[in-house]
Amino acid sequence: MPESENPVPENPVPENPVPENPVPENAVPENAAPGHVMKEEGKFPRGLVIRLFAYLIAGHLFAAFLYLLFEMGARG
């Protein structure tokens, strides 16, 4: 097959080249104060804690209501 009909180029260029030195997602910005450490990594967002607490309370109240219904139904 002649070279002009070759469907695959010899040096294909990737569609999404990866940079040689990618910046990590958790990199500290250049304008951050020295010694600055984010303390939010170990904490849950406040809204999540409130929702979790509300769902736990609501779930237990619903389970108690179902238990009451079954107890009342068993008594006849």
N, C-alpha and C. Protein backbone atom coordinates (compact mmCIF):
# COMPACT_ATOMS: atom_id res chain seq x y z
N MET A 1 0.84 -1.16 0.00
CA MET A 1 0.00 0.00 0.00
C MET A 1 0.90 1.24 0.00
N PRO A 2 0.63 2.20 -0.87
CA PRO A 2 1.46 3.40 -0.92
C PRO A 2 1.26 4.26 0.33
N GLU A 3 2.27 5.11 0.64
CA GLU A 3 2.22 5.94 1.84
C GLU A 3 1.07 6.94 1.80
N SER A 4 0.67 7.40 0.66
CA SER A 4 -0.40 8.39 0.57
C SER A 4 -1.74 7.79 0.97
N GLU A 5 -1.91 6.47 0.94
CA GLU A 5 -3.17 5.84 1.29
C GLU A 5 -3.17 5.30 2.72
N ASN A 6 -2.13 5.53 3.50
CA ASN A 6 -2.05 5.03 4.86
C ASN A 6 -3.05 5.82 5.75
N PRO A 7 -4.07 5.15 6.33
CA PRO A 7 -5.09 5.87 7.10
C PRO A 7 -4.61 6.31 8.49
N VAL A 8 -3.54 5.73 9.02
CA VAL A 8 -3.06 6.06 10.36
C VAL A 8 -1.81 6.92 10.24
N PRO A 9 -1.81 8.13 10.81
CA PRO A 9 -0.58 8.94 10.75
C PRO A 9 0.50 8.32 11.62
N GLU A 10 1.74 8.62 11.27
CA GLU A 10 2.86 8.03 12.00
C GLU A 10 3.00 8.62 13.40
N ASN A 11 2.75 9.89 13.59
CA ASN A 11 2.85 10.55 14.88
C ASN A 11 1.50 11.16 15.24
N PRO A 12 0.57 10.32 15.76
CA PRO A 12 -0.75 10.88 16.08
C PRO A 12 -0.66 11.82 17.29
N VAL A 13 -1.41 12.91 17.24
CA VAL A 13 -1.46 13.88 18.33
C VAL A 13 -2.68 13.54 19.19
N PRO A 14 -2.49 13.37 20.52
CA PRO A 14 -3.65 13.05 21.36
C PRO A 14 -4.63 14.22 21.38
N GLU A 15 -5.93 13.91 21.52
CA GLU A 15 -6.96 14.94 21.52
C GLU A 15 -6.88 15.82 22.76
N ASN A 16 -6.64 15.25 23.92
CA ASN A 16 -6.55 15.98 25.18
C ASN A 16 -5.18 15.73 25.80
N PRO A 17 -4.18 16.49 25.39
CA PRO A 17 -2.85 16.24 25.97
C PRO A 17 -2.83 16.62 27.44
N VAL A 18 -2.09 15.86 28.23
CA VAL A 18 -1.94 16.11 29.66
C VAL A 18 -0.71 16.99 29.86
N PRO A 19 -0.84 18.09 30.62
CA PRO A 19 0.34 18.92 30.85
C PRO A 19 1.40 18.17 31.63
N GLU A 20 2.65 18.56 31.42
CA GLU A 20 3.75 17.85 32.08
C GLU A 20 3.73 18.04 33.58
N ASN A 21 3.38 19.22 34.07
CA ASN A 21 3.34 19.51 35.51
C ASN A 21 1.94 19.97 35.90
N PRO A 22 0.99 19.05 36.04
CA PRO A 22 -0.35 19.48 36.40
C PRO A 22 -0.38 20.01 37.84
N VAL A 23 -1.26 20.99 38.08
CA VAL A 23 -1.40 21.57 39.41
C VAL A 23 -2.35 20.70 40.20
N PRO A 24 -1.95 20.24 41.41
CA PRO A 24 -2.87 19.43 42.20
C PRO A 24 -4.08 20.25 42.62
N GLU A 25 -5.23 19.56 42.83
CA GLU A 25 -6.47 20.24 43.17
C GLU A 25 -6.39 20.94 44.53
N ASN A 26 -5.63 20.41 45.46
CA ASN A 26 -5.57 20.98 46.80
C ASN A 26 -4.33 21.86 46.99
N ALA A 27 -3.85 22.47 45.92
CA ALA A 27 -2.66 23.32 46.01
C ALA A 27 -3.01 24.60 46.76
N VAL A 28 -2.05 25.11 47.52
CA VAL A 28 -2.23 26.36 48.26
C VAL A 28 -2.00 27.51 47.30
N PRO A 29 -2.90 28.50 47.26
CA PRO A 29 -2.69 29.62 46.36
C PRO A 29 -1.44 30.41 46.71
N GLU A 30 -0.89 31.08 45.71
CA GLU A 30 0.37 31.80 45.90
C GLU A 30 0.22 32.96 46.88
N ASN A 31 -0.98 33.58 46.95
CA ASN A 31 -1.16 34.73 47.82
C ASN A 31 -1.58 34.35 49.23
N ALA A 32 -1.57 33.07 49.58
CA ALA A 32 -1.94 32.63 50.93
C ALA A 32 -0.82 32.97 51.90
N ALA A 33 -1.22 33.27 53.12
CA ALA A 33 -0.24 33.61 54.14
C ALA A 33 0.60 32.38 54.48
N PRO A 34 1.88 32.54 54.80
CA PRO A 34 2.70 31.38 55.15
C PRO A 34 2.19 30.73 56.43
N GLY A 35 2.16 29.44 56.43
CA GLY A 35 1.68 28.70 57.60
C GLY A 35 0.17 28.59 57.66
N HIS A 36 -0.50 29.10 56.63
CA HIS A 36 -1.97 29.03 56.61
C HIS A 36 -2.41 27.61 56.28
N VAL A 37 -3.20 27.04 57.16
CA VAL A 37 -3.69 25.68 56.96
C VAL A 37 -5.20 25.72 57.06
N MET A 38 -5.85 25.09 56.10
CA MET A 38 -7.32 25.04 56.15
C MET A 38 -7.75 24.06 57.22
N LYS A 39 -8.61 24.49 58.11
CA LYS A 39 -9.07 23.64 59.19
C LYS A 39 -10.44 23.04 58.90
N GLU A 40 -10.99 23.29 57.71
CA GLU A 40 -12.33 22.83 57.38
C GLU A 40 -12.35 21.40 56.89
N GLU A 41 -11.20 20.79 56.64
CA GLU A 41 -11.19 19.45 56.06
C GLU A 41 -11.81 18.41 56.98
N GLY A 42 -11.63 18.54 58.29
CA GLY A 42 -12.12 17.54 59.22
C GLY A 42 -13.54 17.79 59.70
N LYS A 43 -14.17 18.89 59.27
CA LYS A 43 -15.50 19.23 59.76
C LYS A 43 -16.53 19.04 58.66
N PHE A 44 -17.75 18.67 59.08
CA PHE A 44 -18.87 18.61 58.16
C PHE A 44 -19.47 20.00 58.04
N PRO A 45 -20.05 20.31 56.90
CA PRO A 45 -20.75 21.60 56.79
C PRO A 45 -21.93 21.65 57.77
N ARG A 46 -22.21 22.83 58.29
CA ARG A 46 -23.23 22.98 59.33
C ARG A 46 -24.60 22.53 58.81
N GLY A 47 -24.93 22.87 57.58
CA GLY A 47 -26.22 22.48 57.01
C GLY A 47 -26.38 20.97 56.94
N LEU A 48 -25.29 20.28 56.64
CA LEU A 48 -25.34 18.82 56.57
C LEU A 48 -25.59 18.22 57.95
N VAL A 49 -24.96 18.78 58.97
CA VAL A 49 -25.15 18.27 60.33
C VAL A 49 -26.59 18.47 60.78
N ILE A 50 -27.15 19.65 60.49
CA ILE A 50 -28.53 19.92 60.88
C ILE A 50 -29.49 18.99 60.16
N ARG A 51 -29.29 18.79 58.86
CA ARG A 51 -30.17 17.88 58.10
C ARG A 51 -30.05 16.46 58.61
N LEU A 52 -28.84 16.01 58.88
CA LEU A 52 -28.62 14.65 59.38
C LEU A 52 -29.33 14.47 60.71
N PHE A 53 -29.20 15.43 61.61
CA PHE A 53 -29.87 15.36 62.91
C PHE A 53 -31.39 15.33 62.73
N ALA A 54 -31.91 16.19 61.85
CA ALA A 54 -33.36 16.24 61.61
C ALA A 54 -33.86 14.92 61.02
N TYR A 55 -33.13 14.36 60.07
CA TYR A 55 -33.55 13.09 59.46
C TYR A 55 -33.51 11.95 60.48
N LEU A 56 -32.51 11.95 61.35
CA LEU A 56 -32.44 10.90 62.37
C LEU A 56 -33.61 11.01 63.33
N ILE A 57 -33.93 12.23 63.77
CA ILE A 57 -35.06 12.42 64.68
C ILE A 57 -36.36 12.04 63.97
N ALA A 58 -36.55 12.51 62.75
CA ALA A 58 -37.77 12.21 62.00
C ALA A 58 -37.89 10.71 61.73
N GLY A 59 -36.79 10.06 61.42
CA GLY A 59 -36.82 8.62 61.17
C GLY A 59 -37.20 7.84 62.41
N HIS A 60 -36.67 8.25 63.56
CA HIS A 60 -37.01 7.55 64.80
C HIS A 60 -38.46 7.82 65.21
N LEU A 61 -38.95 9.03 64.98
CA LEU A 61 -40.36 9.32 65.28
C LEU A 61 -41.29 8.50 64.38
N PHE A 62 -40.93 8.36 63.12
CA PHE A 62 -41.75 7.55 62.21
C PHE A 62 -41.72 6.08 62.61
N ALA A 63 -40.55 5.59 62.99
CA ALA A 63 -40.45 4.19 63.44
C ALA A 63 -41.25 3.98 64.71
N ALA A 64 -41.22 4.95 65.63
CA ALA A 64 -42.01 4.84 66.86
C ALA A 64 -43.51 4.84 66.54
N PHE A 65 -43.93 5.65 65.58
CA PHE A 65 -45.34 5.68 65.17
C PHE A 65 -45.76 4.34 64.58
N LEU A 66 -44.92 3.77 63.72
CA LEU A 66 -45.26 2.45 63.16
C LEU A 66 -45.32 1.39 64.25
N TYR A 67 -44.40 1.44 65.19
CA TYR A 67 -44.41 0.49 66.31
C TYR A 67 -45.70 0.63 67.11
N LEU A 68 -46.11 1.87 67.36
CA LEU A 68 -47.37 2.11 68.07
C LEU A 68 -48.55 1.56 67.30
N LEU A 69 -48.57 1.74 66.00
CA LEU A 69 -49.67 1.21 65.19
C LEU A 69 -49.73 -0.31 65.27
N PHE A 70 -48.59 -0.96 65.18
CA PHE A 70 -48.59 -2.43 65.26
C PHE A 70 -48.99 -2.91 66.65
N GLU A 71 -48.56 -2.22 67.68
CA GLU A 71 -48.95 -2.61 69.05
C GLU A 71 -50.46 -2.44 69.25
N MET A 72 -50.99 -1.32 68.75
CA MET A 72 -52.44 -1.09 68.88
C MET A 72 -53.22 -2.11 68.05
N GLY A 73 -52.71 -2.45 66.89
CA GLY A 73 -53.39 -3.43 66.05
C GLY A 73 -53.35 -4.83 66.65
N ALA A 74 -52.29 -5.16 67.36
CA ALA A 74 -52.16 -6.49 67.94
C ALA A 74 -53.12 -6.66 69.12
N ARG A 75 -53.48 -5.57 69.77
CA ARG A 75 -54.39 -5.65 70.92
C ARG A 75 -55.84 -5.80 70.47
N GLY A 76 -56.11 -5.49 69.26
CA GLY A 76 -57.39 -5.83 68.75
C GLY A 76 -58.41 -4.86 68.56
